[in-house]
Amino acid sequence: MLRGLCVSMAAIAACRIEPRGAGDPEASPVARPLTPASFLAPLASVSGGFSLAPVPAPGARLQAPGPFIALRGPITAAARGTDLYIADAGHDAVFHCDVFSQQLRRLPGTGARPGVKLCVLGDRSVVILDPMRGRLLRVSRDGRQLARLQDPWLLAGARDLALEDPSGVIWLADSSAGRVLAVRPAFNAVLPVPLAAFGGESIGPLTALVTGFDALYAVEPARTRVLRLDAQGRVMQAFGEGVLRQPRALAADRYGRVYVVDGMDRSLHIFRAGRHEGSLAAQSFGVTEFSDVRVHDDELAIADAVGGRVQLFRVLGEG
């Protein structure tokens, strides 16, 4: 089951802090201006890495760094601690980047065609969804293939994947059948979960999916909205209609924020408990455009294919 399903959305809303007017303790609450600094702290900007680490491991002989490999088009990225995985369309490969040593290693047998998505498991291996090749891979940091699901018929409609910690279950958004798929970490079982909406309302194809601290969240582009789902596929809430115009990428943090990239206005929209808290332009994060956003624990990774970089941030709680 998803973590924190017993936590109500009302409890999330109650945690939100809104300052009173300056110098007037009785003034009505006013919304604070939304900036990246309101909820993020910069960690690193990655535009590439060395084929050999420039700093040796403790006890090793000093060595010169290997050639620098520049990113050519990172379409998505996922981080966990100092382990950063990057799918780069320009290289048509998935890389492992050690953010501390700045070493960049190509993972053999991987590709980064359009539609590739990533998530990092607890053992720091990466799960790679590659719908164009009809496969799901689990690969270790050093490039060993740990599990493989090759099924073009099943995975052709997969558009995104999300990790449920600590169970390790992988959720896939299936755009072809109005459902999500639950995949065990060993890829030895796939459970289809049909979606059920209010009053039998039909649900359109899903194109983005993420696990929040209390639920699954999915983008339904046909109605330009985000759906909040339980582990049985029931729609508990829908939001974003009238605000979003072309929702594409999706992320969620442990503090109840849901991040939605809008391809029409090229901005990042922030929601909490279904309420729109504001939007931010790509430039405010130091990127040219939002290719994808991913959050794990307290790390936000923003992939910028046009700018050839990945920006990493620490997600903050309430200010």
Protein backbone atom coordinates (compact mmCIF):
# COMPACT_ATOMS: atom_id res chain seq x y z
CA MET A 1 0.00 0.00 0.00
CA LEU A 2 1.07 3.60 -0.50
CA ARG A 3 2.64 5.28 2.48
CA GLY A 4 0.43 7.54 4.53
CA LEU A 5 -2.92 6.62 3.01
CA CYS A 6 -4.45 7.25 6.42
CA VAL A 7 -3.44 10.92 6.25
CA SER A 8 -6.30 13.08 5.03
CA MET A 9 -5.95 15.95 2.58
CA ALA A 10 -7.57 18.18 5.18
CA ALA A 11 -4.60 17.51 7.44
CA ILE A 12 -2.25 18.63 4.66
CA ALA A 13 -4.14 21.87 4.19
CA ALA A 14 -4.06 22.53 7.92
CA CYS A 15 -0.25 22.44 7.86
CA ARG A 16 0.05 25.31 5.38
CA ILE A 17 1.48 28.51 6.89
CA GLU A 18 0.31 31.86 5.60
CA PRO A 19 1.85 35.02 7.15
CA ARG A 20 -0.25 37.87 8.47
CA GLY A 21 0.15 41.40 7.29
CA ALA A 22 3.36 43.14 8.36
CA GLY A 23 3.04 44.82 11.74
CA ASP A 24 -0.61 43.83 12.12
CA PRO A 25 -1.14 40.53 13.99
CA GLU A 26 -4.88 40.69 13.31
CA ALA A 27 -4.59 41.24 9.56
CA SER A 28 -6.10 38.68 7.21
CA PRO A 29 -3.67 36.02 5.90
CA VAL A 30 -2.01 36.94 2.62
CA ALA A 31 -0.31 34.62 0.16
CA ARG A 32 3.46 34.84 0.04
CA PRO A 33 5.02 35.29 -3.40
CA LEU A 34 6.06 31.92 -4.80
CA THR A 35 9.73 31.63 -5.71
CA PRO A 36 12.04 28.59 -6.01
CA ALA A 37 13.71 29.72 -2.78
CA SER A 38 10.34 29.31 -1.04
CA PHE A 39 10.66 25.52 -1.12
CA LEU A 40 13.99 24.60 -2.78
CA ALA A 41 17.72 24.92 -2.09
CA PRO A 42 20.23 24.45 -4.97
CA LEU A 43 22.39 21.30 -4.80
CA ALA A 44 24.20 20.94 -8.14
CA SER A 45 24.12 21.76 -11.82
CA VAL A 46 25.23 18.85 -14.02
CA SER A 47 26.16 19.46 -17.66
CA GLY A 48 28.30 16.33 -18.02
CA GLY A 49 31.03 14.42 -16.25
CA PHE A 50 34.40 12.71 -16.52
CA SER A 51 34.81 9.20 -17.87
CA LEU A 52 37.20 8.65 -14.93
CA ALA A 53 36.72 10.35 -11.59
CA PRO A 54 39.09 13.34 -11.19
CA VAL A 55 39.47 12.62 -7.46
CA PRO A 56 40.75 9.12 -6.54
CA ALA A 57 39.12 6.92 -3.95
CA PRO A 58 40.79 6.90 -0.52
CA GLY A 59 44.08 5.00 -0.71
CA ALA A 60 44.19 5.00 -4.51
CA ARG A 61 46.98 6.56 -6.55
CA LEU A 62 46.37 10.01 -7.95
CA GLN A 63 45.11 9.87 -11.52
CA ALA A 64 44.12 12.45 -14.09
CA PRO A 65 40.42 12.64 -14.91
CA GLY A 66 39.19 10.94 -18.05
CA PRO A 67 37.78 12.94 -20.97
CA PHE A 68 34.82 15.16 -20.14
CA ILE A 69 31.53 13.89 -21.60
CA ALA A 70 29.10 16.74 -22.22
CA LEU A 71 25.37 16.10 -22.06
CA ARG A 72 23.69 16.58 -25.44
CA GLY A 73 19.99 16.33 -24.60
CA PRO A 74 18.94 15.04 -21.16
CA ILE A 75 15.24 14.21 -21.52
CA THR A 76 14.77 12.87 -18.00
CA ALA A 77 16.78 12.31 -14.82
CA ALA A 78 16.29 10.70 -11.43
CA ALA A 79 18.41 11.14 -8.30
CA ARG A 80 18.90 9.32 -5.03
CA GLY A 81 21.64 10.66 -2.80
CA THR A 82 24.79 11.19 -4.89
CA ASP A 83 23.53 8.76 -7.54
CA LEU A 84 22.05 10.53 -10.54
CA TYR A 85 20.76 8.71 -13.61
CA ILE A 86 20.32 10.66 -16.84
CA ALA A 87 18.62 9.57 -20.08
CA ASP A 88 20.33 11.59 -22.81
CA ALA A 89 18.69 11.59 -26.24
CA GLY A 90 21.77 13.10 -27.89
CA HIS A 91 23.86 10.12 -26.84
CA ASP A 92 20.91 7.66 -27.01
CA ALA A 93 22.05 6.24 -23.69
CA VAL A 94 21.36 6.23 -19.97
CA PHE A 95 24.25 7.45 -17.82
CA HIS A 96 25.06 6.97 -14.15
CA CYS A 97 26.55 10.12 -12.65
CA ASP A 98 28.26 10.23 -9.27
CA VAL A 99 27.49 13.81 -8.31
CA PHE A 100 30.28 13.87 -5.69
CA SER A 101 33.14 12.66 -7.93
CA GLN A 102 31.65 14.06 -11.17
CA GLN A 103 32.14 10.70 -12.89
CA LEU A 104 29.77 9.92 -15.76
CA ARG A 105 29.40 6.29 -16.86
CA ARG A 106 27.35 5.05 -19.82
CA LEU A 107 25.20 2.04 -18.91
CA PRO A 108 25.66 -0.59 -21.64
CA GLY A 109 22.62 -1.86 -23.49
CA THR A 110 20.48 1.18 -22.66
CA GLY A 111 18.97 3.84 -24.87
CA ALA A 112 17.26 7.19 -24.51
CA ARG A 113 14.72 7.46 -27.27
CA PRO A 114 11.61 9.64 -26.71
CA GLY A 115 9.39 8.20 -24.00
CA VAL A 116 12.17 6.78 -21.80
CA LYS A 117 11.52 7.28 -18.06
CA LEU A 118 13.63 6.48 -14.98
CA CYS A 119 13.29 5.79 -11.28
CA VAL A 120 15.92 4.81 -8.68
CA LEU A 121 15.34 1.96 -6.25
CA GLY A 122 16.55 1.66 -2.67
CA ASP A 123 19.66 -0.32 -3.68
CA ARG A 124 20.56 2.56 -6.06
CA SER A 125 19.81 0.49 -9.16
CA VAL A 126 17.77 2.21 -11.85
CA VAL A 127 14.56 1.08 -13.54
CA ILE A 128 14.35 2.17 -17.18
CA LEU A 129 11.03 2.25 -19.01
CA ASP A 130 11.65 2.19 -22.77
CA PRO A 131 8.24 1.90 -24.50
CA MET A 132 9.62 2.28 -28.03
CA ARG A 133 11.71 -0.86 -27.46
CA GLY A 134 8.88 -2.48 -25.50
CA ARG A 135 10.97 -3.18 -22.41
CA LEU A 136 11.48 -2.48 -18.75
CA LEU A 137 15.05 -2.83 -17.43
CA ARG A 138 16.56 -2.81 -13.97
CA VAL A 139 20.29 -1.99 -14.08
CA SER A 140 22.88 -1.64 -11.31
CA ARG A 141 25.15 1.38 -10.90
CA ASP A 142 28.01 -0.50 -12.57
CA GLY A 143 25.86 -1.49 -15.57
CA ARG A 144 24.83 -5.06 -14.66
CA GLN A 145 21.33 -6.00 -15.83
CA LEU A 146 19.38 -7.21 -12.80
CA ALA A 147 15.93 -7.75 -14.31
CA ARG A 148 14.24 -7.41 -17.69
CA LEU A 149 10.66 -7.39 -18.89
CA GLN A 150 10.43 -7.55 -22.69
CA ASP A 151 6.81 -7.21 -23.78
CA PRO A 152 6.06 -4.78 -26.64
CA TRP A 153 2.33 -5.49 -26.45
CA LEU A 154 2.11 -4.73 -22.72
CA LEU A 155 4.54 -1.81 -22.61
CA ALA A 156 3.74 -0.03 -25.89
CA GLY A 157 1.17 2.16 -24.12
CA ALA A 158 3.27 2.83 -21.02
CA ARG A 159 3.96 6.55 -20.65
CA ASP A 160 5.48 6.92 -17.20
CA LEU A 161 6.62 4.98 -14.15
CA ALA A 162 6.64 5.68 -10.42
CA LEU A 163 8.28 3.94 -7.49
CA GLU A 164 6.42 3.00 -4.33
CA ASP A 165 8.82 2.96 -1.37
CA PRO A 166 9.62 0.86 0.59
CA SER A 167 7.90 -2.05 -1.20
CA GLY A 168 9.77 -1.42 -4.45
CA VAL A 169 6.60 -1.83 -6.52
CA ILE A 170 6.81 -0.02 -9.87
CA TRP A 171 3.63 1.66 -11.10
CA LEU A 172 3.17 2.26 -14.84
CA ALA A 173 0.70 4.62 -16.50
CA ASP A 174 -0.96 2.73 -19.37
CA SER A 175 -2.32 5.16 -21.93
CA SER A 176 -3.95 2.48 -24.04
CA ALA A 177 -6.35 0.84 -21.59
CA GLY A 178 -7.51 3.29 -18.90
CA ARG A 179 -5.49 1.59 -16.18
CA VAL A 180 -2.25 1.54 -14.23
CA LEU A 181 0.05 -1.47 -13.91
CA ALA A 182 1.77 -2.62 -10.71
CA VAL A 183 5.06 -4.43 -11.37
CA ARG A 184 7.04 -6.32 -8.73
CA PRO A 185 10.75 -5.39 -8.33
CA ALA A 186 11.86 -8.70 -9.89
CA PHE A 187 9.51 -8.05 -12.85
CA ASN A 188 8.02 -11.52 -12.33
CA ALA A 189 4.44 -10.31 -11.93
CA VAL A 190 2.37 -7.52 -13.48
CA LEU A 191 -0.98 -6.58 -11.95
CA PRO A 192 -3.38 -4.46 -14.06
CA VAL A 193 -5.39 -2.00 -11.95
CA PRO A 194 -8.42 -0.52 -13.81
CA LEU A 195 -9.31 3.08 -13.02
CA ALA A 196 -12.66 3.92 -11.47
CA ALA A 197 -13.99 7.48 -11.41
CA PHE A 198 -16.89 9.28 -9.74
CA GLY A 199 -20.29 7.96 -10.84
CA GLY A 200 -18.82 5.72 -13.51
CA GLU A 201 -17.18 8.63 -15.37
CA SER A 202 -14.73 7.35 -17.98
CA ILE A 203 -11.05 8.10 -17.59
CA GLY A 204 -8.95 9.04 -20.60
CA PRO A 205 -5.36 8.01 -21.32
CA LEU A 206 -2.78 8.84 -18.64
CA THR A 207 0.55 10.32 -19.68
CA ALA A 208 2.35 11.01 -16.39
CA LEU A 209 2.35 9.23 -13.04
CA VAL A 210 3.95 9.73 -9.64
CA THR A 211 3.61 8.38 -6.11
CA GLY A 212 2.93 11.06 -3.53
CA PHE A 213 3.18 10.57 0.21
CA ASP A 214 -0.54 9.69 0.39
CA ALA A 215 -1.64 8.58 -3.08
CA LEU A 216 -0.84 8.11 -6.74
CA TYR A 217 -1.12 11.18 -8.96
CA ALA A 218 -1.64 10.98 -12.72
CA VAL A 219 -2.08 13.43 -15.59
CA GLU A 220 -5.18 13.04 -17.74
CA PRO A 221 -4.32 15.34 -20.67
CA ALA A 222 -7.71 15.02 -22.43
CA ARG A 223 -9.29 16.98 -19.54
CA THR A 224 -6.11 18.94 -18.70
CA ARG A 225 -6.22 17.81 -15.09
CA VAL A 226 -4.43 15.78 -12.44
CA LEU A 227 -6.09 12.78 -10.79
CA ARG A 228 -5.44 11.64 -7.23
CA LEU A 229 -5.77 7.84 -7.09
CA ASP A 230 -5.71 5.24 -4.35
CA ALA A 231 -3.91 1.89 -4.69
CA GLN A 232 -7.10 0.30 -6.07
CA GLY A 233 -7.26 2.77 -8.96
CA ARG A 234 -10.18 4.80 -7.56
CA VAL A 235 -10.19 8.52 -8.35
CA MET A 236 -10.39 10.42 -5.06
CA GLN A 237 -9.85 13.92 -6.42
CA ALA A 238 -9.34 15.79 -9.69
CA PHE A 239 -7.74 19.23 -9.97
CA GLY A 240 -6.01 21.57 -12.39
CA GLU A 241 -8.86 22.13 -14.86
CA GLY A 242 -9.01 25.78 -15.86
CA VAL A 243 -5.40 26.31 -14.76
CA LEU A 244 -3.42 23.77 -16.77
CA ARG A 245 -3.43 23.91 -20.56
CA GLN A 246 -1.00 21.19 -21.65
CA PRO A 247 0.14 19.19 -18.61
CA ARG A 248 3.08 16.93 -19.36
CA ALA A 249 5.52 16.00 -16.59
CA LEU A 250 4.56 15.38 -12.98
CA ALA A 251 6.28 15.10 -9.59
CA ALA A 252 5.25 15.13 -5.93
CA ASP A 253 7.13 15.63 -2.66
CA ARG A 254 6.62 14.41 0.90
CA TYR A 255 5.20 17.79 1.97
CA GLY A 256 2.07 17.46 -0.16
CA ARG A 257 3.20 19.55 -3.14
CA VAL A 258 2.40 18.33 -6.64
CA TYR A 259 4.54 19.76 -9.46
CA VAL A 260 3.11 19.88 -12.99
CA VAL A 261 5.02 20.98 -16.08
CA ASP A 262 2.75 22.78 -18.55
CA GLY A 263 3.98 22.55 -22.13
CA MET A 264 1.80 25.44 -23.28
CA ASP A 265 3.11 28.20 -21.01
CA ARG A 266 6.41 26.34 -20.35
CA SER A 267 6.12 26.77 -16.61
CA LEU A 268 6.07 24.65 -13.47
CA HIS A 269 2.76 24.75 -11.58
CA ILE A 270 2.60 23.95 -7.86
CA PHE A 271 -0.52 22.46 -6.26
CA ARG A 272 -1.26 21.44 -2.70
CA ALA A 273 -4.42 19.60 -1.62
CA GLY A 274 -5.78 20.36 -5.10
CA ARG A 275 -5.25 24.10 -4.65
CA HIS A 276 -3.10 26.01 -7.14
CA GLU A 277 -0.32 27.83 -5.29
CA GLY A 278 1.31 29.45 -8.33
CA SER A 279 3.56 28.84 -11.31
CA LEU A 280 7.23 29.50 -12.03
CA ALA A 281 9.13 30.03 -15.29
CA ALA A 282 11.95 27.71 -16.31
CA GLN A 283 14.50 30.53 -16.09
CA SER A 284 13.92 30.90 -12.36
CA PHE A 285 15.38 27.40 -11.93
CA GLY A 286 18.35 28.08 -14.19
CA VAL A 287 17.04 25.96 -17.08
CA THR A 288 15.98 26.73 -20.63
CA GLU A 289 12.94 24.47 -20.51
CA PHE A 290 11.41 21.72 -18.39
CA SER A 291 11.97 18.42 -20.20
CA ASP A 292 11.06 16.45 -17.09
CA VAL A 293 10.87 16.78 -13.30
CA ARG A 294 11.41 14.03 -10.73
CA VAL A 295 11.34 14.05 -6.94
CA HIS A 296 12.65 11.36 -4.63
CA ASP A 297 12.68 11.92 -0.88
CA ASP A 298 13.99 15.49 -0.67
CA GLU A 299 15.74 15.70 -4.06
CA LEU A 300 14.26 17.39 -7.12
CA ALA A 301 15.86 16.73 -10.51
CA ILE A 302 14.98 18.95 -13.46
CA ALA A 303 16.08 17.72 -16.90
CA ASP A 304 16.73 20.41 -19.50
CA ALA A 305 17.29 18.85 -22.93
CA VAL A 306 17.64 22.18 -24.74
CA GLY A 307 20.09 23.58 -22.20
CA GLY A 308 22.04 20.33 -21.94
CA ARG A 309 21.94 20.13 -18.15
CA VAL A 310 20.26 18.65 -15.10
CA GLN A 311 19.57 20.90 -12.11
CA LEU A 312 19.36 19.33 -8.64
CA PHE A 313 17.61 20.91 -5.67
CA ARG A 314 16.92 20.03 -2.05
CA VAL A 315 13.19 20.14 -1.32
CA LEU A 316 12.39 22.11 1.81
CA GLY A 317 9.44 21.83 4.18
CA GLU A 318 7.38 24.74 5.38
CA GLY A 319 9.19 28.08 5.62
